[in-house]
């Protein structure tokens, strides 16, 4: 998975009734856009993230 700043990372929950987490990619640490990524989560905290198999991206630019 490759990301760009501004993309949205969505991490699905594997627990019934628990909503997915959403975060905005703030920074990528490789020119290719590979993880880890600096993410600002929808609850306001920021952290370096290695997404797992339950994650997917919503790109900020459909032309990529």
N, C-alpha and C. Protein backbone atom coordinates (compact mmCIF):
# COMPACT_ATOMS: atom_id res chain seq x y z
N UNK A 1 0.85 -1.17 0.00
CA UNK A 1 0.00 0.00 0.00
C UNK A 1 0.90 1.23 0.00
N UNK A 2 0.61 2.18 -0.87
CA UNK A 2 1.37 3.41 -0.96
C UNK A 2 0.45 4.60 -0.71
N UNK A 3 0.94 5.56 0.06
CA UNK A 3 0.12 6.71 0.44
C UNK A 3 0.82 8.01 0.09
N UNK A 4 0.04 9.06 0.09
CA UNK A 4 0.52 10.42 -0.10
C UNK A 4 -0.10 11.29 1.00
N UNK A 5 0.58 12.35 1.40
CA UNK A 5 -0.03 13.25 2.37
C UNK A 5 -1.41 13.71 1.90
N UNK A 6 -2.36 13.69 2.81
CA UNK A 6 -3.73 14.05 2.49
C UNK A 6 -4.65 12.87 2.28
N UNK A 7 -4.08 11.69 2.00
CA UNK A 7 -4.90 10.48 1.88
C UNK A 7 -5.51 10.14 3.24
N UNK A 8 -6.62 9.41 3.21
CA UNK A 8 -7.30 8.99 4.44
C UNK A 8 -7.03 7.50 4.64
N UNK A 9 -6.55 7.16 5.83
CA UNK A 9 -6.36 5.77 6.22
C UNK A 9 -7.58 5.33 7.01
N UNK A 10 -8.19 4.24 6.57
CA UNK A 10 -9.37 3.70 7.23
C UNK A 10 -9.01 2.32 7.77
N UNK A 11 -9.16 2.15 9.07
CA UNK A 11 -8.87 0.86 9.71
C UNK A 11 -10.20 0.31 10.20
N UNK A 12 -10.63 -0.79 9.59
CA UNK A 12 -11.89 -1.42 9.95
C UNK A 12 -11.77 -2.14 11.29
N UNK A 13 -12.84 -2.16 12.03
CA UNK A 13 -12.86 -2.86 13.31
C UNK A 13 -13.28 -4.30 13.08
N UNK A 14 -12.73 -5.22 13.86
CA UNK A 14 -13.16 -6.61 13.78
C UNK A 14 -14.13 -6.95 14.91
N UNK A 15 -14.63 -5.91 15.60
CA UNK A 15 -15.58 -6.08 16.68
C UNK A 15 -16.92 -5.47 16.27
N UNK A 16 -17.99 -6.23 16.41
CA UNK A 16 -19.32 -5.75 16.05
C UNK A 16 -19.67 -4.52 16.90
N UNK A 17 -20.18 -3.50 16.24
CA UNK A 17 -20.60 -2.30 16.94
C UNK A 17 -19.52 -1.26 17.15
N UNK A 18 -18.28 -1.58 16.81
CA UNK A 18 -17.18 -0.63 16.96
C UNK A 18 -16.91 -0.04 15.58
N UNK A 19 -16.98 1.30 15.45
CA UNK A 19 -16.79 1.91 14.14
C UNK A 19 -15.34 1.85 13.67
N UNK A 20 -15.16 2.02 12.38
CA UNK A 20 -13.82 2.08 11.81
C UNK A 20 -13.11 3.34 12.29
N UNK A 21 -11.79 3.28 12.33
CA UNK A 21 -10.98 4.47 12.66
C UNK A 21 -10.57 5.14 11.36
N UNK A 22 -10.56 6.47 11.37
CA UNK A 22 -10.15 7.24 10.20
C UNK A 22 -9.01 8.16 10.61
N UNK A 23 -8.04 8.31 9.72
CA UNK A 23 -6.93 9.22 9.98
C UNK A 23 -6.42 9.81 8.69
N UNK A 24 -5.90 11.00 8.77
CA UNK A 24 -5.32 11.69 7.62
C UNK A 24 -3.82 11.48 7.61
N UNK A 25 -3.29 11.06 6.47
CA UNK A 25 -1.85 10.88 6.32
C UNK A 25 -1.22 12.27 6.30
N UNK A 26 -0.33 12.52 7.26
CA UNK A 26 0.36 13.81 7.33
C UNK A 26 1.71 13.77 6.63
N UNK A 27 2.41 12.63 6.74
CA UNK A 27 3.75 12.52 6.19
C UNK A 27 4.05 11.07 5.86
N UNK A 28 4.78 10.88 4.78
CA UNK A 28 5.30 9.56 4.42
C UNK A 28 6.82 9.66 4.50
N UNK A 29 7.47 8.57 4.84
CA UNK A 29 8.91 8.61 5.10
C UNK A 29 9.75 8.04 3.98
N UNK A 30 9.12 7.62 2.88
CA UNK A 30 9.87 7.13 1.73
C UNK A 30 9.33 7.81 0.47
N UNK A 31 10.15 7.96 -0.54
CA UNK A 31 9.66 8.57 -1.79
C UNK A 31 8.56 7.74 -2.46
N UNK A 32 8.55 6.43 -2.21
CA UNK A 32 7.54 5.55 -2.80
C UNK A 32 6.21 5.61 -2.07
N UNK A 33 6.17 6.18 -0.87
CA UNK A 33 4.93 6.27 -0.10
C UNK A 33 4.62 5.04 0.73
N UNK A 34 5.64 4.20 0.95
CA UNK A 34 5.45 2.99 1.76
C UNK A 34 5.37 3.35 3.24
N UNK A 35 4.72 2.49 4.05
CA UNK A 35 4.68 2.72 5.49
C UNK A 35 6.08 2.65 6.09
N UNK A 36 6.27 3.23 7.26
CA UNK A 36 5.27 3.80 8.17
C UNK A 36 4.87 5.21 7.73
N UNK A 37 3.69 5.62 8.19
CA UNK A 37 3.15 6.94 7.89
C UNK A 37 2.83 7.67 9.18
N UNK A 38 2.99 8.99 9.14
CA UNK A 38 2.54 9.81 10.26
C UNK A 38 1.07 10.13 10.00
N UNK A 39 0.20 9.74 10.94
CA UNK A 39 -1.25 9.86 10.77
C UNK A 39 -1.84 10.69 11.90
N UNK A 40 -2.75 11.61 11.54
CA UNK A 40 -3.57 12.30 12.55
C UNK A 40 -4.92 11.61 12.54
N UNK A 41 -5.24 10.93 13.65
CA UNK A 41 -6.49 10.18 13.77
C UNK A 41 -7.65 11.13 14.02
N UNK A 42 -8.86 10.64 13.78
CA UNK A 42 -10.05 11.48 13.92
C UNK A 42 -10.31 11.91 15.36
N UNK A 43 -9.64 11.28 16.34
CA UNK A 43 -9.77 11.74 17.72
C UNK A 43 -8.74 12.81 18.08
N UNK A 44 -7.89 13.18 17.11
CA UNK A 44 -6.95 14.28 17.29
C UNK A 44 -5.52 13.88 17.58
N UNK A 45 -5.28 12.63 17.99
CA UNK A 45 -3.90 12.26 18.28
C UNK A 45 -3.17 11.87 17.00
N UNK A 46 -1.85 12.00 17.04
CA UNK A 46 -1.00 11.68 15.90
C UNK A 46 -0.05 10.57 16.27
N UNK A 47 0.29 9.76 15.29
CA UNK A 47 1.23 8.69 15.55
C UNK A 47 1.77 8.08 14.27
N UNK A 48 2.91 7.43 14.39
CA UNK A 48 3.52 6.70 13.30
C UNK A 48 2.79 5.37 13.18
N UNK A 49 2.35 5.04 11.98
CA UNK A 49 1.47 3.90 11.79
C UNK A 49 1.97 2.96 10.71
N UNK A 50 1.95 1.67 11.03
CA UNK A 50 2.17 0.59 10.07
C UNK A 50 0.81 -0.08 9.89
N UNK A 51 0.10 0.14 8.77
CA UNK A 51 -1.24 -0.42 8.63
C UNK A 51 -1.21 -1.94 8.50
N UNK A 52 -2.25 -2.57 9.03
CA UNK A 52 -2.39 -4.02 8.95
C UNK A 52 -3.34 -4.40 7.82
N UNK A 53 -3.72 -5.67 7.77
CA UNK A 53 -4.58 -6.15 6.69
C UNK A 53 -6.01 -5.63 6.76
N UNK A 54 -6.38 -5.04 7.89
CA UNK A 54 -7.73 -4.49 8.05
C UNK A 54 -7.81 -3.03 7.65
N UNK A 55 -6.76 -2.51 7.02
CA UNK A 55 -6.71 -1.09 6.64
C UNK A 55 -6.77 -0.92 5.13
N UNK A 56 -7.33 0.22 4.71
CA UNK A 56 -7.29 0.60 3.31
C UNK A 56 -7.23 2.11 3.21
N UNK A 57 -6.87 2.60 2.02
CA UNK A 57 -6.71 4.03 1.79
C UNK A 57 -7.84 4.59 0.96
N UNK A 58 -8.19 5.81 1.28
CA UNK A 58 -9.07 6.62 0.43
C UNK A 58 -8.17 7.75 -0.05
N UNK A 59 -7.86 7.75 -1.34
CA UNK A 59 -6.92 8.74 -1.85
C UNK A 59 -7.56 10.11 -1.93
N UNK A 60 -6.73 11.12 -1.75
CA UNK A 60 -7.21 12.50 -1.80
C UNK A 60 -7.29 13.02 -3.22
N UNK A 61 -6.70 12.29 -4.16
CA UNK A 61 -6.68 12.74 -5.56
C UNK A 61 -6.99 11.55 -6.46
N UNK A 62 -8.12 11.56 -7.11
CA UNK A 62 -8.54 10.43 -7.95
C UNK A 62 -7.68 10.26 -9.20
N UNK A 63 -6.89 11.26 -9.56
CA UNK A 63 -6.07 11.20 -10.77
C UNK A 63 -4.77 10.44 -10.58
N UNK A 64 -4.46 9.99 -9.37
CA UNK A 64 -3.19 9.27 -9.16
C UNK A 64 -3.26 7.89 -9.68
